[in-house]
N, C-alpha and C. Protein backbone atom coordinates (compact mmCIF):
# COMPACT_ATOMS: atom_id res chain seq x y z
N UNK A 1 224.57 31.59 67.32
CA UNK A 1 224.22 33.13 68.19
C UNK A 1 225.38 33.93 68.92
N UNK A 2 226.12 32.66 69.32
CA UNK A 2 227.35 33.49 69.87
C UNK A 2 228.67 33.99 69.31
N UNK A 3 228.40 33.14 68.49
CA UNK A 3 229.68 33.93 67.00
C UNK A 3 229.32 35.39 66.75
N UNK A 4 228.06 35.51 67.40
CA UNK A 4 227.79 37.35 66.71
C UNK A 4 228.33 38.27 67.36
N UNK A 5 228.38 37.92 68.94
CA UNK A 5 229.51 38.67 69.66
C UNK A 5 230.70 38.80 69.70
N UNK A 6 231.54 38.41 68.48
CA UNK A 6 232.76 38.40 68.25
C UNK A 6 233.72 38.17 69.48
N UNK A 7 233.29 37.21 69.76
CA UNK A 7 234.55 37.02 71.42
C UNK A 7 235.56 36.66 70.51
N UNK A 8 236.57 36.91 71.17
CA UNK A 8 238.15 36.02 70.96
C UNK A 8 238.16 34.97 71.58
N UNK A 9 239.18 34.29 71.24
CA UNK A 9 239.47 32.31 71.93
C UNK A 9 239.36 32.84 73.02
N UNK A 10 240.28 34.15 74.16
CA UNK A 10 240.39 33.97 75.74
C UNK A 10 239.28 34.42 75.98
N UNK A 11 238.14 35.27 75.68
CA UNK A 11 237.30 35.35 76.50
C UNK A 11 235.84 34.84 76.64
N UNK A 12 236.18 33.67 75.09
CA UNK A 12 234.77 33.06 75.44
C UNK A 12 235.19 31.84 76.42
N UNK A 13 237.12 31.52 76.44
CA UNK A 13 237.57 30.27 77.70
C UNK A 13 237.11 31.37 79.25
N UNK A 14 237.17 32.62 78.70
CA UNK A 14 236.58 33.75 80.38
C UNK A 14 235.11 33.00 80.88
N UNK A 15 234.37 33.63 79.42
CA UNK A 15 232.77 33.09 79.89
C UNK A 15 232.66 31.65 79.97
N UNK A 16 232.98 30.37 79.33
CA UNK A 16 232.53 29.67 79.56
C UNK A 16 233.49 29.10 80.74
N UNK A 17 234.44 29.26 81.96
CA UNK A 17 234.80 29.52 83.11
C UNK A 17 234.26 29.72 83.87
N UNK A 18 233.66 30.85 83.76
CA UNK A 18 232.86 31.28 84.59
C UNK A 18 231.35 31.17 85.12
N UNK A 19 230.85 30.56 83.76
CA UNK A 19 229.59 30.04 83.97
C UNK A 19 229.93 28.72 84.50
N UNK A 20 230.77 27.79 84.34
CA UNK A 20 230.86 26.33 85.53
C UNK A 20 231.83 26.76 86.19
N UNK A 21 232.26 27.60 86.62
CA UNK A 21 232.41 28.36 88.67
C UNK A 21 231.01 28.45 88.74
N UNK A 22 230.14 29.75 88.63
CA UNK A 22 228.61 29.90 89.33
C UNK A 22 228.06 28.50 89.51
N UNK A 23 228.25 27.54 88.17
CA UNK A 23 227.07 26.77 88.14
C UNK A 23 227.31 25.47 89.79
N UNK A 24 228.76 25.51 89.74
CA UNK A 24 229.71 24.47 90.75
C UNK A 24 229.75 25.49 91.87
N UNK A 25 229.38 26.66 92.11
CA UNK A 25 229.24 27.55 93.54
C UNK A 25 227.64 28.03 93.48
N UNK A 26 227.07 27.79 93.09
CA UNK A 26 225.28 27.65 93.16
C UNK A 26 225.08 26.04 94.04
N UNK A 27 225.44 25.27 93.05
CA UNK A 27 225.14 23.92 93.43
C UNK A 27 225.92 23.37 94.64
N UNK A 28 227.53 24.17 95.77
CA UNK A 28 227.84 24.18 96.62
C UNK A 28 226.83 24.88 97.95
N UNK A 29 226.17 26.25 97.04
CA UNK A 29 225.60 26.56 98.05
C UNK A 29 224.22 26.12 98.66
N UNK A 30 223.63 25.46 97.31
CA UNK A 30 222.45 24.67 97.53
C UNK A 30 222.34 23.38 98.88
N UNK A 31 223.82 22.58 98.78
CA UNK A 31 224.07 21.34 99.75
C UNK A 31 223.25 20.17 99.65
N UNK A 32 223.09 19.99 97.93
CA UNK A 32 222.05 18.48 98.00
C UNK A 32 220.63 19.17 98.43
N UNK A 33 220.12 20.13 98.54
CA UNK A 33 218.92 20.83 98.02
C UNK A 33 217.84 20.32 97.21
N UNK A 34 219.29 20.39 95.97
CA UNK A 34 218.47 20.51 94.59
C UNK A 34 217.01 19.58 94.05
N UNK A 35 216.95 18.58 94.83
CA UNK A 35 216.12 17.60 94.56
C UNK A 35 214.81 17.74 95.29
N UNK A 36 214.97 18.75 96.02
CA UNK A 36 213.66 19.07 96.82
C UNK A 36 213.03 19.77 96.32
N UNK A 37 211.46 19.28 95.90
CA UNK A 37 210.38 20.03 95.02
C UNK A 37 210.65 21.47 95.92
N UNK A 38 209.81 22.49 94.52
CA UNK A 38 209.95 23.92 94.94
C UNK A 38 208.00 23.66 94.53
N UNK A 39 207.39 24.72 95.15
CA UNK A 39 205.87 24.93 94.46
C UNK A 39 205.95 26.03 94.20
N UNK A 40 205.22 26.72 93.07
CA UNK A 40 205.32 28.20 92.98
C UNK A 40 203.47 28.15 92.79
N UNK A 41 202.99 29.56 93.85
CA UNK A 41 201.51 29.87 93.76
C UNK A 41 201.77 30.55 92.05
N UNK A 42 200.90 30.44 91.27
CA UNK A 42 200.58 30.99 90.07
C UNK A 42 199.00 31.51 90.49
N UNK A 43 200.06 33.48 90.12
CA UNK A 43 198.94 34.06 90.26
C UNK A 43 199.71 35.87 89.54
N UNK A 44 198.91 36.57 88.85
CA UNK A 44 199.58 37.45 88.75
C UNK A 44 199.40 39.01 88.85
N UNK A 45 200.82 39.26 89.92
CA UNK A 45 200.89 40.71 90.58
C UNK A 45 201.54 41.75 89.88
N UNK A 46 200.34 43.22 90.12
CA UNK A 46 200.88 43.72 89.32
C UNK A 46 202.30 45.11 89.98
N UNK A 47 202.25 44.31 90.71
CA UNK A 47 203.31 45.20 92.02
C UNK A 47 204.77 45.02 91.51
N UNK A 48 204.33 43.20 90.91
CA UNK A 48 205.80 43.27 90.83
C UNK A 48 205.85 43.15 89.81
N UNK A 49 205.55 43.48 88.60
CA UNK A 49 205.39 43.35 87.50
C UNK A 49 205.74 44.87 87.08
N UNK A 50 205.44 45.50 87.76
CA UNK A 50 205.71 47.18 87.54
C UNK A 50 207.27 47.30 88.26
N UNK A 51 207.42 46.85 89.48
CA UNK A 51 208.99 46.66 89.41
C UNK A 51 210.02 46.31 88.90
N UNK A 52 209.26 44.59 88.08
CA UNK A 52 210.72 44.15 87.45
C UNK A 52 210.30 45.23 85.85
N UNK A 53 209.13 45.75 85.45
CA UNK A 53 209.72 46.72 84.44
C UNK A 53 211.03 47.46 84.97
N UNK A 54 210.32 48.22 85.89
CA UNK A 54 211.79 49.01 86.20
C UNK A 54 212.82 48.96 86.56
N UNK A 55 213.08 47.43 86.82
CA UNK A 55 215.07 46.54 86.62
C UNK A 55 215.08 46.18 85.21
N UNK A 56 213.97 46.08 84.10
CA UNK A 56 214.33 46.14 82.97
C UNK A 56 214.93 47.18 82.56
N UNK A 57 214.45 48.48 82.96
CA UNK A 57 214.37 50.10 82.00
C UNK A 57 215.58 50.09 82.69
N UNK A 58 215.93 49.85 84.50
CA UNK A 58 217.52 50.22 84.46
C UNK A 58 217.99 48.96 84.17
N UNK A 59 217.79 48.41 83.95
CA UNK A 59 219.02 47.44 83.22
C UNK A 59 219.40 47.53 81.80
N UNK A 60 218.55 48.10 80.71
CA UNK A 60 219.01 48.78 80.22
C UNK A 60 219.77 49.82 79.82
N UNK A 61 219.74 50.90 80.56
CA UNK A 61 220.21 52.07 81.27
C UNK A 61 222.16 51.52 81.78
N UNK A 62 222.04 50.62 82.52
CA UNK A 62 223.23 50.24 83.04
C UNK A 62 224.48 49.67 81.89
N UNK A 63 223.73 49.46 80.69
CA UNK A 63 224.51 47.89 79.90
C UNK A 63 224.78 49.29 78.85
N UNK A 64 223.89 50.30 78.66
CA UNK A 64 224.19 51.66 77.95
C UNK A 64 225.53 52.98 78.45
N UNK A 65 225.48 52.98 80.21
CA UNK A 65 225.89 53.80 80.44
C UNK A 65 227.66 52.62 80.17
N UNK A 66 227.86 51.93 80.43
CA UNK A 66 228.56 50.35 80.38
C UNK A 66 228.59 50.86 79.46
N UNK A 67 228.75 50.81 77.77
CA UNK A 67 228.78 50.91 77.03
C UNK A 67 229.45 52.25 76.45
N UNK A 68 229.49 52.81 77.10
CA UNK A 68 230.50 54.68 77.51
C UNK A 68 231.88 54.23 77.09
N UNK A 69 231.96 53.08 78.07
CA UNK A 69 233.30 53.03 78.04
C UNK A 69 234.00 52.04 76.71
N UNK A 70 234.55 52.57 76.11
CA UNK A 70 235.22 52.09 74.56
C UNK A 70 235.75 50.80 74.68
N UNK A 71 235.79 49.77 75.13
CA UNK A 71 236.53 48.27 75.19
C UNK A 71 235.23 47.08 75.82
N UNK A 72 235.17 46.49 75.14
CA UNK A 72 234.46 45.22 74.89
C UNK A 72 234.91 44.66 76.67
N UNK A 73 235.64 44.89 77.09
CA UNK A 73 236.03 44.38 78.67
C UNK A 73 235.34 45.13 79.82
N UNK A 74 234.77 46.13 79.53
CA UNK A 74 233.77 46.94 80.68
C UNK A 74 232.56 45.94 81.07
N UNK A 75 231.53 45.09 79.68
CA UNK A 75 231.28 44.70 79.74
C UNK A 75 231.12 43.46 81.00
N UNK A 76 232.25 43.08 81.08
CA UNK A 76 232.15 41.95 81.82
C UNK A 76 231.65 41.87 83.27
N UNK A 77 231.90 43.58 83.72
CA UNK A 77 231.04 43.40 85.36
C UNK A 77 229.63 43.20 85.65
N UNK A 78 229.15 44.49 84.72
CA UNK A 78 227.18 43.47 84.47
C UNK A 78 226.96 42.63 84.11
N UNK A 79 227.59 41.90 83.45
CA UNK A 79 227.52 40.61 82.61
C UNK A 79 227.73 39.48 83.76
N UNK A 80 228.67 39.71 84.66
CA UNK A 80 228.93 38.87 84.67
C UNK A 80 227.81 38.83 86.14
N UNK A 81 227.25 40.00 86.45
CA UNK A 81 226.35 39.54 87.52
C UNK A 81 225.46 39.44 87.07
N UNK A 82 224.40 39.22 85.91
CA UNK A 82 223.53 39.22 85.97
C UNK A 82 223.31 37.61 85.04
N UNK A 83 224.48 36.97 84.74
CA UNK A 83 225.02 35.56 84.39
C UNK A 83 225.28 34.60 85.35
N UNK A 84 225.12 35.28 86.97
CA UNK A 84 225.05 34.83 88.19
C UNK A 84 223.64 34.57 88.41
N UNK A 85 222.95 35.69 88.50
CA UNK A 85 221.52 35.16 88.42
C UNK A 85 220.56 34.35 87.90
N UNK A 86 221.10 34.78 86.13
CA UNK A 86 220.27 33.47 85.21
C UNK A 86 220.74 32.34 85.71
N UNK A 87 221.96 32.03 85.60
CA UNK A 87 222.37 30.97 86.12
C UNK A 87 221.31 30.39 87.11
N UNK A 88 221.11 30.91 88.04
CA UNK A 88 220.77 30.51 89.35
C UNK A 88 219.64 30.36 89.33
N UNK A 89 218.53 30.65 88.13
CA UNK A 89 217.33 30.30 87.95
C UNK A 89 217.56 29.13 87.16
N UNK A 90 218.64 29.06 86.28
CA UNK A 90 218.31 27.73 85.86
C UNK A 90 218.74 26.40 86.52
N UNK A 91 219.16 26.54 87.27
CA UNK A 91 219.56 25.60 88.23
C UNK A 91 218.27 25.16 89.13
N UNK A 92 217.36 26.31 89.87
CA UNK A 92 216.13 26.09 89.96
C UNK A 92 214.84 25.83 89.31
N UNK A 93 215.30 25.08 87.52
CA UNK A 93 214.46 24.51 87.67
C UNK A 93 214.50 23.15 87.73
N UNK A 94 214.97 22.07 87.94
CA UNK A 94 215.49 20.81 88.63
C UNK A 94 213.95 20.73 89.74
N UNK A 95 214.05 22.01 90.87
CA UNK A 95 213.36 21.30 92.02
C UNK A 95 211.84 21.93 91.55
N UNK A 96 211.91 23.12 90.23
CA UNK A 96 210.75 23.34 89.76
C UNK A 96 210.22 21.93 89.57
N UNK A 97 210.38 21.44 88.23
CA UNK A 97 209.98 20.25 87.94
C UNK A 97 210.05 19.39 88.37
N UNK A 98 210.24 19.32 89.74
CA UNK A 98 209.93 17.97 90.78
C UNK A 98 208.50 17.91 91.59
N UNK A 99 208.44 19.42 91.54
CA UNK A 99 207.30 19.52 92.86
C UNK A 99 206.03 20.68 92.35
N UNK A 100 206.35 21.02 91.23
CA UNK A 100 205.00 22.12 90.46
C UNK A 100 204.58 21.35 89.45
N UNK A 101 203.24 21.85 89.58
CA UNK A 101 202.57 21.80 87.83
C UNK A 101 203.33 21.53 86.84
N UNK A 102 202.56 21.34 85.79
CA UNK A 102 202.99 21.49 84.61
C UNK A 102 202.82 22.69 83.98
N UNK A 103 201.51 23.40 83.92
CA UNK A 103 201.85 25.06 83.41
C UNK A 103 202.44 25.60 84.47
N UNK A 104 203.21 25.54 85.71
CA UNK A 104 203.21 26.26 86.33
C UNK A 104 205.33 26.09 86.23
N UNK A 105 205.58 24.61 85.09
CA UNK A 105 206.82 24.67 84.96
C UNK A 105 207.34 24.83 83.41
N UNK A 106 206.10 25.15 82.77
CA UNK A 106 206.44 26.00 81.56
C UNK A 106 206.61 27.15 81.23
N UNK A 107 205.37 27.95 82.71
CA UNK A 107 205.96 29.76 82.91
C UNK A 107 206.89 29.62 83.28
N UNK A 108 207.88 28.49 84.64
CA UNK A 108 209.13 29.04 84.49
C UNK A 108 209.99 28.77 83.45
N UNK A 109 210.00 27.25 82.96
CA UNK A 109 210.83 27.77 81.36
C UNK A 109 211.01 29.14 80.61
N UNK A 110 209.36 29.27 80.73
CA UNK A 110 209.50 30.71 79.84
C UNK A 110 210.15 31.85 80.08
N UNK A 111 210.05 31.75 81.37
CA UNK A 111 210.75 32.89 82.54
C UNK A 111 212.29 32.56 82.01
N UNK A 112 212.75 31.75 82.35
CA UNK A 112 214.28 31.43 82.33
C UNK A 112 215.04 31.69 81.20
N UNK A 113 214.25 31.61 80.01
CA UNK A 113 214.69 31.03 78.83
C UNK A 113 214.27 33.19 78.23
N UNK A 114 212.86 33.50 78.71
CA UNK A 114 213.72 34.93 78.50
C UNK A 114 214.32 36.15 79.10
N UNK A 115 214.26 35.20 80.65
CA UNK A 115 215.98 36.26 80.73
C UNK A 115 216.93 36.15 80.24
N UNK A 116 217.23 34.80 79.85
CA UNK A 116 218.49 34.43 78.75
C UNK A 116 218.71 35.81 78.12
N UNK A 117 217.55 35.67 76.76
CA UNK A 117 217.22 36.37 75.83
C UNK A 117 217.04 37.95 76.30
N UNK A 118 216.30 38.52 77.40
CA UNK A 118 217.25 39.77 77.94
C UNK A 118 218.72 40.06 77.71
N UNK A 119 219.30 38.47 78.51
CA UNK A 119 220.44 39.30 79.17
C UNK A 119 221.44 38.84 77.18
N UNK A 120 220.98 38.70 76.48
CA UNK A 120 221.18 38.28 75.30
C UNK A 120 221.55 39.90 74.41
N UNK A 121 219.94 40.08 74.59
CA UNK A 121 219.51 41.76 73.75
C UNK A 121 220.46 42.69 74.63
N UNK A 122 220.95 42.17 75.61
CA UNK A 122 221.23 43.90 76.72
C UNK A 122 222.73 43.67 76.38
N UNK A 123 223.63 42.40 76.31
CA UNK A 123 224.65 42.25 75.48
C UNK A 123 224.79 42.93 74.86
N UNK A 124 224.96 41.89 73.21
CA UNK A 124 224.78 42.21 71.89
C UNK A 124 224.52 43.84 71.20
N UNK A 125 223.32 44.32 72.30
CA UNK A 125 223.41 45.86 71.98
C UNK A 125 224.48 46.56 72.62
N UNK A 126 224.79 46.56 73.77
CA UNK A 126 226.25 47.14 74.22
C UNK A 126 227.53 46.59 73.26
N UNK A 127 227.94 45.38 73.04
CA UNK A 127 228.73 45.20 72.49
C UNK A 127 228.48 45.97 70.76
N UNK A 128 227.31 45.93 70.43
CA UNK A 128 226.98 47.31 69.14
C UNK A 128 227.88 48.20 68.71
N UNK A 129 226.97 49.10 70.51
CA UNK A 129 227.25 50.38 70.47
C UNK A 129 228.76 50.14 70.38
N UNK A 130 229.50 49.82 71.13
CA UNK A 130 231.47 49.95 71.70
C UNK A 130 231.47 49.43 70.02
N UNK A 131 231.72 49.05 69.18
CA UNK A 131 232.11 48.45 67.58
C UNK A 131 231.47 49.07 67.17
N UNK A 132 230.71 50.35 66.80
CA UNK A 132 230.45 50.97 65.88
C UNK A 132 229.79 52.24 66.45
N UNK A 133 230.98 53.03 67.52
CA UNK A 133 231.01 53.90 67.77
C UNK A 133 232.09 55.04 67.05
N UNK A 134 233.15 54.07 66.65
CA UNK A 134 234.40 55.14 65.88
C UNK A 134 233.78 55.12 64.48
N UNK A 135 233.02 54.31 63.97
CA UNK A 135 232.50 54.88 62.42
C UNK A 135 231.01 55.66 62.63
N UNK A 136 230.71 56.63 63.69
CA UNK A 136 230.02 57.90 63.77
C UNK A 136 230.71 58.64 63.99
N UNK A 137 231.29 59.59 63.29
CA UNK A 137 232.36 61.09 63.88
C UNK A 137 231.26 61.91 63.53
N UNK A 138 231.70 62.56 64.43
CA UNK A 138 230.67 63.79 64.78
C UNK A 138 231.77 65.02 66.12
N UNK A 139 233.04 64.64 65.88
CA UNK A 139 234.03 65.35 66.54
C UNK A 139 233.99 65.20 67.99
N UNK A 140 233.27 64.95 68.76
CA UNK A 140 233.61 64.33 69.91
C UNK A 140 232.92 62.83 70.49
N UNK A 141 233.68 62.01 71.28
CA UNK A 141 233.59 60.83 71.60
C UNK A 141 231.96 60.97 71.91
N UNK A 142 231.75 61.69 72.65
CA UNK A 142 230.66 61.32 73.97
C UNK A 142 228.78 61.64 72.61
N UNK A 143 229.69 62.60 71.87
CA UNK A 143 228.75 62.60 70.85
C UNK A 143 228.10 61.63 69.53
N UNK A 144 229.28 61.21 69.35
CA UNK A 144 229.33 59.74 68.17
C UNK A 144 228.77 58.80 69.00
N UNK A 145 229.24 58.63 69.99
CA UNK A 145 228.50 57.82 71.49
C UNK A 145 226.94 57.19 71.08
N UNK A 146 226.45 59.23 71.44
CA UNK A 146 225.32 59.01 71.54
C UNK A 146 224.52 58.68 70.13
N UNK A 147 224.84 59.12 69.08
CA UNK A 147 224.27 58.95 67.43
C UNK A 147 224.45 57.43 67.64
N UNK A 148 225.19 56.90 68.15
CA UNK A 148 225.36 55.14 67.57
C UNK A 148 224.44 54.67 68.29
N UNK A 149 224.17 54.92 70.06
CA UNK A 149 223.35 54.85 70.90
C UNK A 149 221.81 54.55 70.01
N UNK A 150 221.40 55.32 69.47
CA UNK A 150 220.26 56.04 69.42
C UNK A 150 219.75 54.90 67.88
N UNK A 151 221.31 55.16 67.14
CA UNK A 151 220.83 53.86 65.97
C UNK A 151 220.92 52.43 66.18
N UNK A 152 222.02 52.15 67.51
CA UNK A 152 221.77 50.46 68.10
C UNK A 152 220.30 50.69 68.40
N UNK A 153 219.32 51.40 69.33
CA UNK A 153 218.51 50.92 70.23
C UNK A 153 217.37 51.02 69.02
N UNK A 154 217.24 51.98 68.01
CA UNK A 154 216.40 52.14 67.04
C UNK A 154 216.07 50.67 66.59
N UNK A 155 217.47 49.43 66.40
CA UNK A 155 217.46 48.67 65.48
C UNK A 155 216.96 47.81 66.05
N UNK A 156 217.54 47.48 66.94
CA UNK A 156 216.83 45.81 68.16
C UNK A 156 216.10 45.93 69.06
N UNK A 157 215.27 47.33 68.89
CA UNK A 157 214.06 47.91 70.16
C UNK A 157 212.91 46.39 69.98
N UNK A 158 212.83 45.76 68.90
CA UNK A 158 212.27 45.04 68.63
C UNK A 158 212.34 43.55 69.83
N UNK A 159 214.21 43.50 69.70
CA UNK A 159 214.37 42.50 70.10
C UNK A 159 214.10 42.73 71.81
N UNK A 160 214.50 44.09 72.24
CA UNK A 160 214.77 44.34 73.34
C UNK A 160 213.37 44.16 74.38
N UNK A 161 212.62 44.64 73.10
CA UNK A 161 211.21 44.69 74.09
C UNK A 161 210.28 43.23 74.26
N UNK A 162 210.22 42.15 73.12
CA UNK A 162 209.75 41.06 73.57
C UNK A 162 209.94 40.52 74.17
N UNK A 163 212.28 40.56 74.81
CA UNK A 163 212.63 39.47 75.67
C UNK A 163 212.26 40.30 76.50
N UNK A 164 212.05 41.28 76.96
CA UNK A 164 212.01 42.46 78.59
C UNK A 164 210.80 42.00 79.18
N UNK A 165 209.25 41.78 78.09
CA UNK A 165 207.91 41.52 77.79
C UNK A 165 207.96 40.17 79.32
N UNK A 166 208.24 39.53 77.89
CA UNK A 166 208.37 38.18 78.67
C UNK A 166 208.90 37.97 80.49
N UNK A 167 209.83 38.46 79.94
CA UNK A 167 210.46 38.64 81.45
C UNK A 167 210.06 38.69 82.37
N UNK A 168 209.44 40.24 81.60
CA UNK A 168 208.99 40.76 83.14
C UNK A 168 207.45 40.18 83.60
N UNK A 169 206.23 39.82 82.58
CA UNK A 169 204.89 39.07 82.67
C UNK A 169 205.13 37.61 83.19
N UNK A 170 206.56 36.92 83.26
CA UNK A 170 206.17 35.88 83.37
C UNK A 170 207.25 35.52 85.11
N UNK A 171 208.12 36.71 85.33
CA UNK A 171 208.38 36.69 86.64
C UNK A 171 207.10 37.67 87.68
N UNK A 172 206.01 38.28 86.82
CA UNK A 172 205.23 38.89 87.46
C UNK A 172 203.98 37.72 87.76
N UNK A 173 203.76 36.59 87.56
CA UNK A 173 203.25 35.57 87.55
C UNK A 173 203.06 34.68 88.73
N UNK A 174 204.69 34.67 88.76
CA UNK A 174 205.32 34.18 90.23
C UNK A 174 205.21 34.77 91.60
C-alpha cells in the first residue's frame, strides 16, 4: 500500500522518523496516564456528525489546494498535522480497551481505521493529482491542474466517500 505512493527512500525515512517522534512526544505528554481507563458514552450526536462532515469536506479541499503546488513535498504540512492527530487517536486505543465495553472498543477501532483510511485516500488523491498534472496539457497549468483534479476525484470518489463516511459516523457516535 505504501509503495503505491511512490515515495523516495529519503521520504520514507522522514515519515518513519516523524511517526516515531510523534509517538514519543505523545507518550511524554501523557506522562504515564496511558493505562488509566477511559470510558466513552455511546450515543449518536447529529451536530457532531455534521461538524465532522464539514471537517471532512474541508480536509479534501485542503489537500486539493495543496496539490496545486507542483511538488510532492508540499503535502508534508497537511499530512504531518493529520498524522499527528491520527497517531494521537491510535495511542488512545490502549485506555479505551482497558476502560470500555467491547462494543465501544470495536467502534473506536473502526474510527481509528477509518481515519487512517481517510488520511491515506487524501494523500493518494493529492499525489495522483501532482503526478498526473503534467500529462493534461491544456496550455495553462491551472487548467491542467483543474482537469487532473476532476479526473482524479472521479476515479477515487468511492474510496473517499467510504473512508470519510465511516470516519464521520464513528466520530459522531462518541
